[in-house]
Amino acid sequence: MGKAKRPKLSTHEFFEKGHLHYLTHISIDNVIFGFHDNQLKVLLLEWKETHRWCLPGGFIFADEHIEEAAIRSLKSRTGLDNIYLQQFYAFGDPNRERTKHGISPPAGIKKSWLSERFITVGYYALVEFSKVVPKPDEFSESCQWWDIEKVPTLILDHNHILEKALQSLRLNLNDYPVGKDLLPQKFTMPELQRLYETILGKQLDRRNFQKKILALDILERLNERKQGGAHKAPFLYKFDQRKYEKAMKQGLKFGLQ
């Protein structure tokens, strides 16, 4: 049996009749992390008319796997495929949809299915900043990157979801080499260290960091240096795909924290 045709609803139709197409009481929120100019970034949407900001998310069609919904939502905001995506938490506070930072239905709709209690499943994604073309949806004014330290007050409990995603990312640093997804294909050791420092919110000892990352044996030092740097610019590195895949199967233990 094939999948039903995906409807394209107006804002008014979505608030009034969305429950006829999507699963009710459950949603998805994606925390999309990028790294640029030595800053950890997060992709946010600005709702039309209200000018409030939120995490990119969405709802699940009745015939759709929850992870497929997360991937669909992620691709529609970034334009990218094959992105590292990690489910990290389910948010089920019975009062989470009733905060002062919520979104009201359009004029003429007294009660919407979106006003009911929702449980949302959080995913975080790691993307290379330069490859993303942020795309707003029909309900948002814009889709923009924000420095993680300058994120505004978001709707509902999205600030809490973002903080939980960042905590989860930190906990996974010893098991997953995030630089493979967040950095360009070629990078310097100082850039890689700065990425980890930004995520952790603290400085790391240079010699100790380099010793530990090289001990993983998943990097290849290239015979070229960073262009536009000092006379002795740092060497460039890249991930060795074969060694990386082998290490991921065996399990990594960075010992960073």
Protein backbone atom coordinates (compact mmCIF):
# COMPACT_ATOMS: atom_id res chain seq x y z
CA MET A 1 0.00 0.00 0.00
CA GLY A 2 1.56 3.30 -1.08
CA LYS A 3 1.85 6.43 0.93
CA ALA A 4 -0.90 9.00 0.75
CA LYS A 5 -0.21 12.21 -1.16
CA ARG A 6 1.30 14.87 1.09
CA PRO A 7 -1.09 17.84 1.39
CA LYS A 8 0.08 21.44 1.11
CA LEU A 9 -1.91 23.44 3.62
CA SER A 10 -2.27 27.17 4.09
CA THR A 11 -1.57 28.56 7.56
CA HIS A 12 -5.30 28.74 8.31
CA GLU A 13 -5.89 25.18 7.06
CA PHE A 14 -2.92 23.88 9.03
CA PHE A 15 -4.22 25.23 12.34
CA GLU A 16 -7.82 24.19 11.62
CA LYS A 17 -7.50 20.85 9.79
CA GLY A 18 -3.92 19.67 10.31
CA HIS A 19 -5.11 16.89 12.61
CA LEU A 20 -6.73 15.19 9.60
CA HIS A 21 -3.30 14.64 8.04
CA TYR A 22 -0.78 14.49 10.90
CA LEU A 23 -0.49 12.45 14.07
CA THR A 24 -1.87 14.47 16.97
CA HIS A 25 -0.17 15.09 20.32
CA ILE A 26 3.34 14.37 18.99
CA SER A 27 5.82 16.59 17.17
CA ILE A 28 9.50 16.81 16.23
CA ASP A 29 12.02 19.55 16.98
CA ASN A 30 15.39 19.63 15.22
CA VAL A 31 18.38 21.39 16.77
CA ILE A 32 20.66 22.03 13.79
CA PHE A 33 24.25 22.83 14.79
CA GLY A 34 26.86 24.42 12.53
CA PHE A 35 30.32 25.91 13.09
CA HIS A 36 31.58 29.13 11.49
CA ASP A 37 34.12 31.85 12.37
CA ASN A 38 35.10 29.87 15.48
CA GLN A 39 31.53 29.98 16.76
CA LEU A 40 29.02 27.20 17.32
CA LYS A 41 25.81 28.13 15.49
CA VAL A 42 22.20 26.97 15.64
CA LEU A 43 19.61 27.38 12.88
CA LEU A 44 16.39 29.15 13.92
CA LEU A 45 13.09 30.11 12.28
CA GLU A 46 11.28 33.43 12.71
CA TRP A 47 7.49 33.07 12.72
CA LYS A 48 5.48 35.36 10.44
CA GLU A 49 3.69 38.32 12.06
CA THR A 50 4.79 37.47 15.62
CA HIS A 51 8.56 37.79 14.89
CA ARG A 52 9.24 35.16 17.55
CA TRP A 53 11.98 32.62 17.00
CA CYS A 54 11.82 28.85 17.26
CA LEU A 55 13.65 25.64 16.44
CA PRO A 56 12.91 24.06 13.05
CA GLY A 57 10.49 21.22 13.60
CA GLY A 58 7.43 19.59 12.25
CA PHE A 59 4.79 16.93 12.49
CA ILE A 60 4.48 13.29 11.49
CA PHE A 61 2.18 12.07 8.74
CA ALA A 62 -0.04 9.15 9.67
CA ASP A 63 1.90 6.76 7.39
CA GLU A 64 5.37 8.11 8.19
CA HIS A 65 8.16 6.80 10.41
CA ILE A 66 9.18 9.36 13.04
CA GLU A 67 12.80 9.42 11.82
CA GLU A 68 11.64 9.95 8.24
CA ALA A 69 9.70 12.97 9.45
CA ALA A 70 12.80 14.36 11.17
CA ILE A 71 14.89 13.85 8.01
CA ARG A 72 12.19 15.42 5.83
CA SER A 73 12.02 18.47 8.10
CA LEU A 74 15.80 18.75 8.22
CA LYS A 75 16.21 18.59 4.45
CA SER A 76 13.50 21.20 3.90
CA ARG A 77 15.39 23.69 6.13
CA THR A 78 18.96 22.97 4.94
CA GLY A 79 18.65 21.44 1.47
CA LEU A 80 21.06 18.67 2.53
CA ASP A 81 20.91 14.87 2.51
CA ASN A 82 22.86 12.32 4.56
CA ILE A 83 23.22 14.50 7.64
CA TYR A 84 24.27 13.15 11.02
CA LEU A 85 21.05 13.05 13.05
CA GLN A 86 20.73 11.93 16.66
CA GLN A 87 17.56 11.52 18.70
CA PHE A 88 18.39 12.82 22.16
CA TYR A 89 15.29 13.34 24.34
CA ALA A 90 11.49 13.34 24.53
CA PHE A 91 9.84 16.39 26.10
CA GLY A 92 6.57 15.55 27.84
CA ASP A 93 5.85 18.22 30.45
CA PRO A 94 2.03 18.52 30.45
CA ASN A 95 2.36 22.33 30.60
CA ARG A 96 4.99 22.76 27.86
CA GLU A 97 2.48 24.03 25.26
CA ARG A 98 0.88 26.57 27.57
CA THR A 99 3.68 29.06 28.22
CA LYS A 100 3.49 32.78 27.54
CA HIS A 101 5.89 32.34 24.63
CA GLY A 102 3.54 30.19 22.53
CA ILE A 103 1.94 30.85 19.16
CA SER A 104 -1.75 31.74 18.90
CA PRO A 105 -4.03 30.44 16.09
CA PRO A 106 -4.90 32.85 13.24
CA ALA A 107 -7.92 35.12 13.59
CA GLY A 108 -11.19 33.26 13.17
CA ILE A 109 -10.00 29.98 14.72
CA LYS A 110 -11.16 29.75 18.33
CA LYS A 111 -9.56 26.39 19.08
CA SER A 112 -6.88 24.46 17.22
CA TRP A 113 -5.51 20.93 17.56
CA LEU A 114 -2.16 22.64 18.14
CA SER A 115 -3.48 24.00 21.44
CA GLU A 116 -3.73 20.49 22.88
CA ARG A 117 -0.97 18.79 24.84
CA PHE A 118 2.01 17.74 22.72
CA ILE A 119 4.98 15.50 23.35
CA THR A 120 7.92 16.45 21.17
CA VAL A 121 10.88 14.26 20.22
CA GLY A 122 14.17 16.12 19.98
CA TYR A 123 16.85 15.44 17.37
CA TYR A 124 20.12 17.25 16.92
CA ALA A 125 21.88 17.46 13.58
CA LEU A 126 25.49 18.33 12.69
CA VAL A 127 26.02 20.12 9.38
CA GLU A 128 28.84 21.86 7.53
CA PHE A 129 27.93 25.54 7.66
CA SER A 130 29.13 26.40 4.15
CA LYS A 131 26.90 23.78 2.51
CA VAL A 132 23.63 24.92 4.10
CA VAL A 133 21.21 27.24 2.32
CA PRO A 134 18.72 28.14 5.11
CA LYS A 135 15.14 27.94 3.91
CA PRO A 136 12.10 29.27 5.79
CA ASP A 137 8.79 27.45 5.49
CA GLU A 138 5.32 28.82 4.74
CA PHE A 139 4.81 29.72 8.42
CA SER A 140 8.09 31.59 8.94
CA GLU A 141 9.52 34.94 7.89
CA SER A 142 13.15 33.85 7.81
CA CYS A 143 15.56 31.03 8.64
CA GLN A 144 18.91 32.19 10.04
CA TRP A 145 22.00 31.05 11.90
CA TRP A 146 22.50 32.35 15.44
CA ASP A 147 25.59 32.21 17.63
CA ILE A 148 24.82 29.72 20.38
CA GLU A 149 25.60 32.38 23.00
CA LYS A 150 23.23 34.96 21.47
CA VAL A 151 20.06 32.90 21.02
CA PRO A 152 16.96 34.98 21.92
CA THR A 153 13.96 33.89 23.97
CA LEU A 154 12.31 31.21 21.85
CA ILE A 155 8.68 30.10 21.75
CA LEU A 156 7.33 27.42 24.08
CA ASP A 157 10.15 25.46 25.76
CA HIS A 158 12.54 25.64 22.81
CA ASN A 159 15.33 27.25 24.87
CA HIS A 160 15.16 24.22 27.17
CA ILE A 161 15.22 21.85 24.17
CA LEU A 162 18.28 23.64 22.78
CA GLU A 163 20.10 23.41 26.11
CA LYS A 164 19.28 19.70 26.38
CA ALA A 165 20.62 19.13 22.85
CA LEU A 166 23.86 20.92 23.71
CA GLN A 167 24.24 18.79 26.84
CA SER A 168 23.71 15.64 24.79
CA LEU A 169 26.24 16.79 22.17
CA ARG A 170 28.81 17.35 24.92
CA LEU A 171 28.21 13.91 26.39
CA ASN A 172 28.76 12.30 22.97
CA LEU A 173 32.06 14.06 22.24
CA ASN A 174 34.09 11.10 23.48
CA ASP A 175 32.24 8.64 21.26
CA TYR A 176 31.73 10.54 18.02
CA PRO A 177 34.22 12.79 16.15
CA VAL A 178 31.97 15.80 15.54
CA GLY A 179 34.59 17.56 13.44
CA LYS A 180 33.81 15.25 10.53
CA ASP A 181 30.37 16.83 10.18
CA LEU A 182 30.92 20.39 11.40
CA LEU A 183 34.23 21.30 9.73
CA PRO A 184 35.17 21.61 6.04
CA GLN A 185 36.88 18.58 4.48
CA LYS A 186 40.29 20.13 5.17
CA PHE A 187 41.00 21.84 8.50
CA THR A 188 43.82 22.72 10.86
CA MET A 189 44.43 21.29 14.31
CA PRO A 190 43.75 24.71 15.95
CA GLU A 191 40.39 24.84 14.14
CA LEU A 192 39.48 21.37 15.37
CA GLN A 193 40.49 22.27 18.92
CA ARG A 194 38.50 25.50 18.77
CA LEU A 195 35.42 23.50 17.73
CA TYR A 196 35.69 21.29 20.80
CA GLU A 197 36.36 24.27 23.06
CA THR A 198 33.29 26.08 21.73
CA ILE A 199 31.04 23.09 22.31
CA LEU A 200 32.42 22.49 25.81
CA GLY A 201 32.53 26.17 26.73
CA LYS A 202 36.08 25.92 28.09
CA GLN A 203 39.71 26.00 26.96
CA LEU A 204 41.69 22.81 26.37
CA ASP A 205 45.42 22.24 26.67
CA ARG A 206 46.85 22.32 23.16
CA ARG A 207 49.44 19.56 23.51
CA ASN A 208 47.11 17.25 25.41
CA PHE A 209 44.29 17.75 22.89
CA GLN A 210 46.53 17.08 19.92
CA LYS A 211 47.98 13.96 21.54
CA LYS A 212 44.54 12.51 22.25
CA ILE A 213 43.01 13.29 18.86
CA LEU A 214 45.98 11.86 16.97
CA ALA A 215 45.91 8.73 19.14
CA LEU A 216 42.48 7.94 17.67
CA ASP A 217 44.29 7.35 14.35
CA ILE A 218 41.44 8.68 12.21
CA LEU A 219 43.14 11.81 10.82
CA GLU A 220 45.49 12.22 7.87
CA ARG A 221 47.95 15.12 7.86
CA LEU A 222 48.20 16.65 4.40
CA ASN A 223 51.32 18.04 2.78
CA GLU A 224 49.83 21.51 2.62
CA ARG A 225 49.32 24.41 4.99
CA LYS A 226 46.50 26.83 5.72
CA GLN A 227 46.49 29.57 3.09
CA GLY A 228 46.61 33.22 4.12
CA GLY A 229 48.12 32.46 7.52
CA ALA A 230 51.45 33.29 9.09
CA HIS A 231 54.83 32.23 7.66
CA LYS A 232 54.55 28.93 9.49
CA ALA A 233 50.86 28.35 8.97
CA PRO A 234 49.51 25.13 10.50
CA PHE A 235 49.25 21.98 8.43
CA LEU A 236 45.88 20.89 7.10
CA TYR A 237 44.26 17.62 8.12
CA LYS A 238 41.33 15.54 6.89
CA PHE A 239 39.52 12.48 8.20
CA ASP A 240 40.78 9.18 6.82
CA GLN A 241 37.50 7.59 5.72
CA ARG A 242 38.68 3.98 5.94
CA LYS A 243 40.22 4.37 9.40
CA TYR A 244 37.26 6.44 10.54
CA GLU A 245 34.74 3.76 9.57
CA LYS A 246 36.83 1.06 11.24
CA ALA A 247 37.17 3.09 14.44
CA MET A 248 33.43 3.79 14.57
CA LYS A 249 32.69 0.05 14.34
CA GLN A 250 35.12 -0.74 17.14
CA GLY A 251 34.06 2.22 19.27
CA LEU A 252 35.90 5.43 20.10
CA LYS A 253 37.04 6.65 23.48
CA PHE A 254 38.48 10.13 23.16
CA GLY A 255 39.00 10.67 26.89
CA LEU A 256 38.38 14.39 26.42
CA GLN A 257 36.30 15.09 29.52
